[in-house]
C-alpha atoms as a PDB file:
ATOM      1  CA  MET A   1       0.000   0.000   0.000  1.00  0.00           C
ATOM      2  CA  PRO A   2       1.493   3.364  -0.968  1.00  0.00           C
ATOM      3  CA  ARG A   3       2.204   6.102   1.508  1.00  0.00           C
ATOM      4  CA  SER A   4      -0.554   8.691   1.946  1.00  0.00           C
ATOM      5  CA  LEU A   5      -0.253  11.921  -0.029  1.00  0.00           C
ATOM      6  CA  LYS A   6      -0.747  13.899   3.177  1.00  0.00           C
ATOM      7  CA  LYS A   7       2.533  12.558   4.577  1.00  0.00           C
ATOM      8  CA  GLY A   8       4.522  12.886   1.350  1.00  0.00           C
ATOM      9  CA  PRO A   9       7.312  10.627   0.095  1.00  0.00           C
ATOM     10  CA  TYR A  10       9.731   8.997   2.531  1.00  0.00           C
ATOM     11  CA  VAL A  11      13.287  10.079   1.798  1.00  0.00           C
ATOM     12  CA  GLU A  12      16.154   9.432   4.209  1.00  0.00           C
ATOM     13  CA  GLU A  13      17.356  12.761   5.597  1.00  0.00           C
ATOM     14  CA  ILE A  14      20.936  11.482   5.762  1.00  0.00           C
ATOM     15  CA  LEU A  15      20.985  10.858   2.001  1.00  0.00           C
ATOM     16  CA  LEU A  16      19.755  14.367   1.279  1.00  0.00           C
ATOM     17  CA  LYS A  17      22.434  15.810   3.581  1.00  0.00           C
ATOM     18  CA  LYS A  18      25.168  13.832   1.815  1.00  0.00           C
ATOM     19  CA  ILE A  19      24.205  15.164  -1.628  1.00  0.00           C
ATOM     20  CA  ALA A  20      23.318  18.720  -0.556  1.00  0.00           C
ATOM     21  CA  GLY A  21      25.416  21.268  -2.462  1.00  0.00           C
ATOM     22  CA  LYS A  22      27.306  18.621  -4.436  1.00  0.00           C
ATOM     23  CA  LYS A  23      27.397  18.129  -8.201  1.00  0.00           C
ATOM     24  CA  PRO A  24      26.211  14.818  -9.686  1.00  0.00           C
ATOM     25  CA  GLY A  25      29.140  12.616 -10.645  1.00  0.00           C
ATOM     26  CA  SER A  26      31.611  14.465  -8.410  1.00  0.00           C
ATOM     27  CA  LEU A  27      31.266  11.989  -5.538  1.00  0.00           C
ATOM     28  CA  PRO A  28      32.102   8.307  -5.464  1.00  0.00           C
ATOM     29  CA  ALA A  29      29.203   5.933  -4.774  1.00  0.00           C
ATOM     30  CA  ILE A  30      27.331   6.961  -1.613  1.00  0.00           C
ATOM     31  CA  LYS A  31      26.924   3.807   0.470  1.00  0.00           C
ATOM     32  CA  THR A  32      23.513   3.317   2.022  1.00  0.00           C
ATOM     33  CA  TRP A  33      21.462   0.654   3.731  1.00  0.00           C
ATOM     34  CA  ALA A  34      18.233   2.675   3.265  1.00  0.00           C
ATOM     35  CA  ARG A  35      16.556   0.504   0.645  1.00  0.00           C
ATOM     36  CA  ARG A  36      13.135   1.863   1.639  1.00  0.00           C
ATOM     37  CA  SER A  37      14.025   5.454   0.772  1.00  0.00           C
ATOM     38  CA  GLN A  38      12.236   6.887  -2.262  1.00  0.00           C
ATOM     39  CA  ILE A  39      14.224   8.515  -5.029  1.00  0.00           C
ATOM     40  CA  SER A  40      13.663  12.256  -5.220  1.00  0.00           C
ATOM     41  CA  PRO A  41      14.493  14.578  -8.145  1.00  0.00           C
ATOM     42  CA  GLU A  42      17.513  15.958  -6.239  1.00  0.00           C
ATOM     43  CA  MET A  43      19.154  12.508  -6.418  1.00  0.00           C
ATOM     44  CA  VAL A  44      19.238  12.335 -10.231  1.00  0.00           C
ATOM     45  CA  GLY A  45      22.799  11.844 -11.507  1.00  0.00           C
ATOM     46  CA  PHE A  46      24.267  10.550  -8.250  1.00  0.00           C
ATOM     47  CA  THR A  47      25.518   7.004  -7.759  1.00  0.00           C
ATOM     48  CA  PHE A  48      24.362   5.171  -4.651  1.00  0.00           C
ATOM     49  CA  GLY A  49      25.846   1.960  -3.276  1.00  0.00           C
ATOM     50  CA  VAL A  50      22.649   0.211  -2.187  1.00  0.00           C
ATOM     51  CA  HIS A  51      23.131  -2.748   0.156  1.00  0.00           C
ATOM     52  CA  ASN A  52      21.473  -5.960  -0.991  1.00  0.00           C
ATOM     53  CA  GLY A  53      22.170  -7.955   2.170  1.00  0.00           C
ATOM     54  CA  ARG A  54      25.629  -9.074   1.118  1.00  0.00           C
ATOM     55  CA  GLN A  55      27.327  -6.215  -0.717  1.00  0.00           C
ATOM     56  CA  HIS A  56      26.750  -2.700  -1.990  1.00  0.00           C
ATOM     57  CA  LEU A  57      25.542  -2.543  -5.601  1.00  0.00           C
ATOM     58  CA  ASP A  58      26.133   0.692  -7.511  1.00  0.00           C
ATOM     59  CA  VAL A  59      22.916   2.313  -8.737  1.00  0.00           C
ATOM     60  CA  LEU A  60      23.143   5.365 -11.015  1.00  0.00           C
ATOM     61  CA  VAL A  61      19.938   7.348 -10.521  1.00  0.00           C
ATOM     62  CA  THR A  62      18.188   8.575 -13.683  1.00  0.00           C
ATOM     63  CA  GLU A  63      15.031  10.611 -14.217  1.00  0.00           C
ATOM     64  CA  ASP A  64      12.969   7.474 -14.864  1.00  0.00           C
ATOM     65  CA  MET A  65      13.691   6.227 -11.335  1.00  0.00           C
ATOM     66  CA  VAL A  66      12.125   9.194  -9.504  1.00  0.00           C
ATOM     67  CA  GLY A  67       9.334   7.999  -7.219  1.00  0.00           C
ATOM     68  CA  HIS A  68      10.644   4.442  -6.962  1.00  0.00           C
ATOM     69  CA  ARG A  69      12.533   2.999  -3.995  1.00  0.00           C
ATOM     70  CA  LEU A  70      16.308   2.474  -3.952  1.00  0.00           C
ATOM     71  CA  GLY A  71      15.856  -1.192  -3.061  1.00  0.00           C
ATOM     72  CA  GLU A  72      14.054  -1.893  -6.341  1.00  0.00           C
ATOM     73  CA  PHE A  73      17.321  -1.470  -8.237  1.00  0.00           C
ATOM     74  CA  ALA A  74      19.547  -3.624  -6.000  1.00  0.00           C
ATOM     75  CA  LEU A  75      18.247  -7.169  -6.306  1.00  0.00           C
ATOM     76  CA  THR A  76      18.679  -9.436  -3.290  1.00  0.00           C
ATOM     77  CA  ARG A  77      18.508 -12.746  -5.131  1.00  0.00           C
ATOM     78  CA  LYS A  78      20.726 -14.052  -7.903  1.00  0.00           C
ATOM     79  CA  PHE A  79      18.982 -15.772 -10.806  1.00  0.00           C
ATOM     80  CA  VAL A  80      20.555 -19.069 -11.818  1.00  0.00           C
ATOM     81  CA  ARG A  81      19.315 -20.094 -15.233  1.00  0.00           C
ATOM     82  CA  HIS A  82      17.018 -23.035 -15.659  1.00  0.00           C
ATOM     83  CA  GLY A  83      18.001 -26.247 -17.350  1.00  0.00           C
ATOM     84  CA  GLY A  84      20.990 -28.460 -17.003  1.00  0.00           C
ATOM     85  CA  LYS A  85      22.939 -30.565 -19.451  1.00  0.00           C
ATOM     86  CA  MET A  86      20.307 -30.359 -22.202  1.00  0.00           C
ATOM     87  CA  GLN A  87      20.127 -26.564 -21.983  1.00  0.00           C
ATOM     88  CA  LYS A  88      23.930 -26.330 -22.262  1.00  0.00           C
ATOM     89  CA  GLU A  89      23.912 -28.480 -25.403  1.00  0.00           C
ATOM     90  CA  ILE A  90      21.209 -26.337 -27.004  1.00  0.00           C
ATOM     91  CA  GLU A  91      23.163 -23.157 -26.247  1.00  0.00           C
ATOM     92  CA  MET A  92      26.392 -24.630 -27.620  1.00  0.00           C
ATOM     93  CA  LYS A  93      24.684 -25.608 -30.900  1.00  0.00           C
ATOM     94  CA  ALA A  94      23.202 -22.133 -31.226  1.00  0.00           C
ATOM     95  CA  LYS A  95      26.597 -20.535 -30.582  1.00  0.00           C
ATOM     96  CA  GLU A  96      28.301 -22.781 -33.164  1.00  0.00           C
ATOM     97  CA  ALA A  97      25.634 -21.928 -35.739  1.00  0.00           C
ATOM     98  CA  GLU A  98      26.126 -18.224 -35.067  1.00  0.00           C
ATOM     99  CA  ILE A  99      29.900 -18.519 -35.499  1.00  0.00           C
ATOM    100  CA  ALA A 100      29.476 -20.493 -38.737  1.00  0.00           C
ATOM    101  CA  SER A 101      27.085 -17.905 -40.188  1.00  0.00           C
ATOM    102  CA  ALA A 102      29.469 -15.081 -39.240  1.00  0.00           C
ATOM    103  CA  GLN A 103      32.372 -16.842 -40.932  1.00  0.00           C
ATOM    104  CA  ALA A 104      30.267 -17.482 -44.049  1.00  0.00           C
ATOM    105  CA  ALA A 105      29.296 -13.811 -44.231  1.00  0.00           C
ATOM    106  CA  LYS A 106      32.924 -12.780 -43.777  1.00  0.00           C
ATOM    107  CA  GLY A 107      33.998 -15.162 -46.550  1.00  0.00           C
ATOM    108  CA  ALA A 108      31.309 -13.834 -48.903  1.00  0.00           C
ATOM    109  CA  ALA A 109      32.439 -10.271 -48.256  1.00  0.00           C
ATOM    110  CA  ALA A 110      36.056 -11.227 -48.973  1.00  0.00           C
ATOM    111  CA  ASP A 111      35.043 -12.911 -52.261  1.00  0.00           C
ATOM    112  CA  ALA A 112      33.051  -9.858 -53.335  1.00  0.00           C
ATOM    113  CA  SER A 113      36.007  -7.528 -52.670  1.00  0.00           C
ATOM    114  CA  ALA A 114      38.396  -9.862 -54.546  1.00  0.00           C
ATOM    115  CA  LYS A 115      36.192  -9.769 -57.681  1.00  0.00           C
ATOM    116  CA  LYS A 116      36.328  -5.972 -57.854  1.00  0.00           C
END
């Protein structure tokens, strides 16, 4: 449930103090554990090191992120792809086919330049 409009957005005061009077890009990543803090327009351009429970992940704030929470951009779980041996074989065949088509295109381009 979103926060009421009467209260306004929740932004950590400490984060605002750290970026007050500074230029975006002039600071190294600002480490924070405040995943629940909303991104305000003043934060655009700054890089925050948002803690995901294990390490700080660098998040460069853009205009599209305003209104979202910092924690949305520092995932806490790592996705391990599905499939096992069969999936690996399928990917290897696809990669080999891609390499073969690239070599064929390169050979055709070399033949065309040799004819000129």
